[in-house]
Amino acid sequence: MSDSSDSAVNPLLQAWQTPLETPPFAAIRPEHFMPAFEQAFADHAMEVAAIVNDPTEPDFDNTVTAWERAGRLLNRVSAVFYDLVSAHSNPE
């Protein structure tokens, strides 16, 4: 992310302080998605690169487990996006 203030105002990039850590749908605006997806794709690319470039001998933990952990932000942002598109879409 280029500007740390972006994450301070983007609820998709913050920890969710809601019951059961559910998405704060009332705070999410269409303009939050592009920066959140950009950050999520960048994070995922770095996570995959870290797996690929790990100099240690591949094993279950540093390959499979690391792959399973990679992309959590991308999964979270895309899940909220598709939930809103299917339930409460708009032209933006």
C-alpha atoms as a PDB file:
ATOM      1  CA  MET A   1       0.000   0.000   0.000  1.00  0.00           C
ATOM      2  CA  SER A   2       1.410   3.355  -0.929  1.00  0.00           C
ATOM      3  CA  ASP A   3      -0.087   5.420   1.879  1.00  0.00           C
ATOM      4  CA  SER A   4      -0.666   4.185   5.391  1.00  0.00           C
ATOM      5  CA  SER A   5      -3.494   6.723   5.770  1.00  0.00           C
ATOM      6  CA  ASP A   6      -5.425   4.794   3.101  1.00  0.00           C
ATOM      7  CA  SER A   7      -5.679   1.784   5.378  1.00  0.00           C
ATOM      8  CA  ALA A   8      -6.697   4.021   8.273  1.00  0.00           C
ATOM      9  CA  VAL A   9      -9.853   5.062   6.416  1.00  0.00           C
ATOM     10  CA  ASN A  10     -10.485   1.908   4.401  1.00  0.00           C
ATOM     11  CA  PRO A  11     -12.503  -0.551   6.474  1.00  0.00           C
ATOM     12  CA  LEU A  12     -11.512  -3.397   4.157  1.00  0.00           C
ATOM     13  CA  LEU A  13      -7.876  -2.965   5.200  1.00  0.00           C
ATOM     14  CA  GLN A  14      -8.503  -2.641   8.928  1.00  0.00           C
ATOM     15  CA  ALA A  15      -9.103  -5.221  11.610  1.00  0.00           C
ATOM     16  CA  TRP A  16     -12.858  -5.523  11.970  1.00  0.00           C
ATOM     17  CA  GLN A  17     -13.964  -4.422  15.435  1.00  0.00           C
ATOM     18  CA  THR A  18     -17.428  -5.928  15.055  1.00  0.00           C
ATOM     19  CA  PRO A  19     -19.203  -8.837  16.722  1.00  0.00           C
ATOM     20  CA  LEU A  20     -17.512 -12.032  15.526  1.00  0.00           C
ATOM     21  CA  GLU A  21     -15.274  -9.878  13.306  1.00  0.00           C
ATOM     22  CA  THR A  22     -17.952  -9.631  10.627  1.00  0.00           C
ATOM     23  CA  PRO A  23     -17.470  -7.092   7.829  1.00  0.00           C
ATOM     24  CA  PRO A  24     -18.506  -3.553   8.780  1.00  0.00           C
ATOM     25  CA  PHE A  25     -20.879  -3.305   5.817  1.00  0.00           C
ATOM     26  CA  ALA A  26     -22.259   0.116   6.801  1.00  0.00           C
ATOM     27  CA  ALA A  27     -18.772   1.626   6.603  1.00  0.00           C
ATOM     28  CA  ILE A  28     -17.763   0.070   3.269  1.00  0.00           C
ATOM     29  CA  ARG A  29     -18.081   2.261   0.172  1.00  0.00           C
ATOM     30  CA  PRO A  30     -17.501   1.348  -3.488  1.00  0.00           C
ATOM     31  CA  GLU A  31     -14.333   3.471  -3.577  1.00  0.00           C
ATOM     32  CA  HIS A  32     -12.765   1.279  -0.868  1.00  0.00           C
ATOM     33  CA  PHE A  33     -12.589  -1.783  -3.101  1.00  0.00           C
ATOM     34  CA  MET A  34      -9.971  -0.750  -5.677  1.00  0.00           C
ATOM     35  CA  PRO A  35      -7.284   0.184  -3.130  1.00  0.00           C
ATOM     36  CA  ALA A  36      -8.139  -2.880  -1.059  1.00  0.00           C
ATOM     37  CA  PHE A  37      -7.861  -5.205  -4.073  1.00  0.00           C
ATOM     38  CA  GLU A  38      -4.601  -3.546  -5.141  1.00  0.00           C
ATOM     39  CA  GLN A  39      -3.144  -4.078  -1.669  1.00  0.00           C
ATOM     40  CA  ALA A  40      -4.501  -7.629  -1.459  1.00  0.00           C
ATOM     41  CA  PHE A  41      -3.030  -8.623  -4.845  1.00  0.00           C
ATOM     42  CA  ALA A  42       0.327  -7.062  -3.916  1.00  0.00           C
ATOM     43  CA  ASP A  43       0.361  -8.873  -0.572  1.00  0.00           C
ATOM     44  CA  HIS A  44      -0.541 -12.164  -2.219  1.00  0.00           C
ATOM     45  CA  ALA A  45       2.202 -11.775  -4.823  1.00  0.00           C
ATOM     46  CA  MET A  46       4.744 -11.150  -2.051  1.00  0.00           C
ATOM     47  CA  GLU A  47       3.485 -14.157  -0.086  1.00  0.00           C
ATOM     48  CA  VAL A  48       3.797 -16.436  -3.116  1.00  0.00           C
ATOM     49  CA  ALA A  49       7.239 -15.026  -3.936  1.00  0.00           C
ATOM     50  CA  ALA A  50       8.349 -15.749  -0.371  1.00  0.00           C
ATOM     51  CA  ILE A  51       7.277 -19.386  -0.790  1.00  0.00           C
ATOM     52  CA  VAL A  52       8.948 -19.751  -4.178  1.00  0.00           C
ATOM     53  CA  ASN A  53      12.176 -18.063  -3.067  1.00  0.00           C
ATOM     54  CA  ASP A  54      12.476 -19.788   0.318  1.00  0.00           C
ATOM     55  CA  PRO A  55      16.051 -21.116   0.363  1.00  0.00           C
ATOM     56  CA  THR A  56      15.284 -23.927   2.803  1.00  0.00           C
ATOM     57  CA  GLU A  57      14.464 -27.444   1.714  1.00  0.00           C
ATOM     58  CA  PRO A  58      10.759 -27.598   0.771  1.00  0.00           C
ATOM     59  CA  ASP A  59       8.598 -29.355   3.301  1.00  0.00           C
ATOM     60  CA  PHE A  60       4.926 -29.431   4.189  1.00  0.00           C
ATOM     61  CA  ASP A  61       5.085 -26.423   6.514  1.00  0.00           C
ATOM     62  CA  ASN A  62       7.072 -24.033   4.317  1.00  0.00           C
ATOM     63  CA  THR A  63       5.222 -25.006   1.155  1.00  0.00           C
ATOM     64  CA  VAL A  64       1.703 -26.346   1.659  1.00  0.00           C
ATOM     65  CA  THR A  65       0.944 -24.598   4.949  1.00  0.00           C
ATOM     66  CA  ALA A  66       2.457 -21.341   3.703  1.00  0.00           C
ATOM     67  CA  TRP A  67       0.399 -21.608   0.502  1.00  0.00           C
ATOM     68  CA  GLU A  68      -2.777 -22.132   2.539  1.00  0.00           C
ATOM     69  CA  ARG A  69      -2.019 -18.999   4.592  1.00  0.00           C
ATOM     70  CA  ALA A  70      -1.210 -16.890   1.520  1.00  0.00           C
ATOM     71  CA  GLY A  71      -3.941 -14.651   0.168  1.00  0.00           C
ATOM     72  CA  ARG A  72      -5.982 -14.134   3.321  1.00  0.00           C
ATOM     73  CA  LEU A  73      -6.502 -10.426   2.628  1.00  0.00           C
ATOM     74  CA  LEU A  74      -7.424 -11.197  -0.981  1.00  0.00           C
ATOM     75  CA  ASN A  75      -9.951 -13.798   0.165  1.00  0.00           C
ATOM     76  CA  ARG A  76     -11.427 -11.393   2.704  1.00  0.00           C
ATOM     77  CA  VAL A  77     -11.748  -8.447   0.294  1.00  0.00           C
ATOM     78  CA  SER A  78     -13.158 -10.560  -2.533  1.00  0.00           C
ATOM     79  CA  ALA A  79     -15.654 -12.274  -0.210  1.00  0.00           C
ATOM     80  CA  VAL A  80     -17.037  -8.897   0.916  1.00  0.00           C
ATOM     81  CA  PHE A  81     -17.105  -7.658  -2.684  1.00  0.00           C
ATOM     82  CA  TYR A  82     -19.069 -10.649  -3.953  1.00  0.00           C
ATOM     83  CA  ASP A  83     -21.398 -10.590  -0.944  1.00  0.00           C
ATOM     84  CA  LEU A  84     -22.264  -6.972  -1.639  1.00  0.00           C
ATOM     85  CA  VAL A  85     -22.551  -7.474  -5.401  1.00  0.00           C
ATOM     86  CA  SER A  86     -25.014 -10.293  -4.923  1.00  0.00           C
ATOM     87  CA  ALA A  87     -27.038  -8.665  -2.159  1.00  0.00           C
ATOM     88  CA  HIS A  88     -26.744  -4.915  -2.565  1.00  0.00           C
ATOM     89  CA  SER A  89     -25.239  -3.976  -5.912  1.00  0.00           C
ATOM     90  CA  ASN A  90     -24.955  -0.514  -7.438  1.00  0.00           C
ATOM     91  CA  PRO A  91     -23.529   0.995 -10.649  1.00  0.00           C
ATOM     92  CA  GLU A  92     -20.161   1.716  -9.018  1.00  0.00           C
END
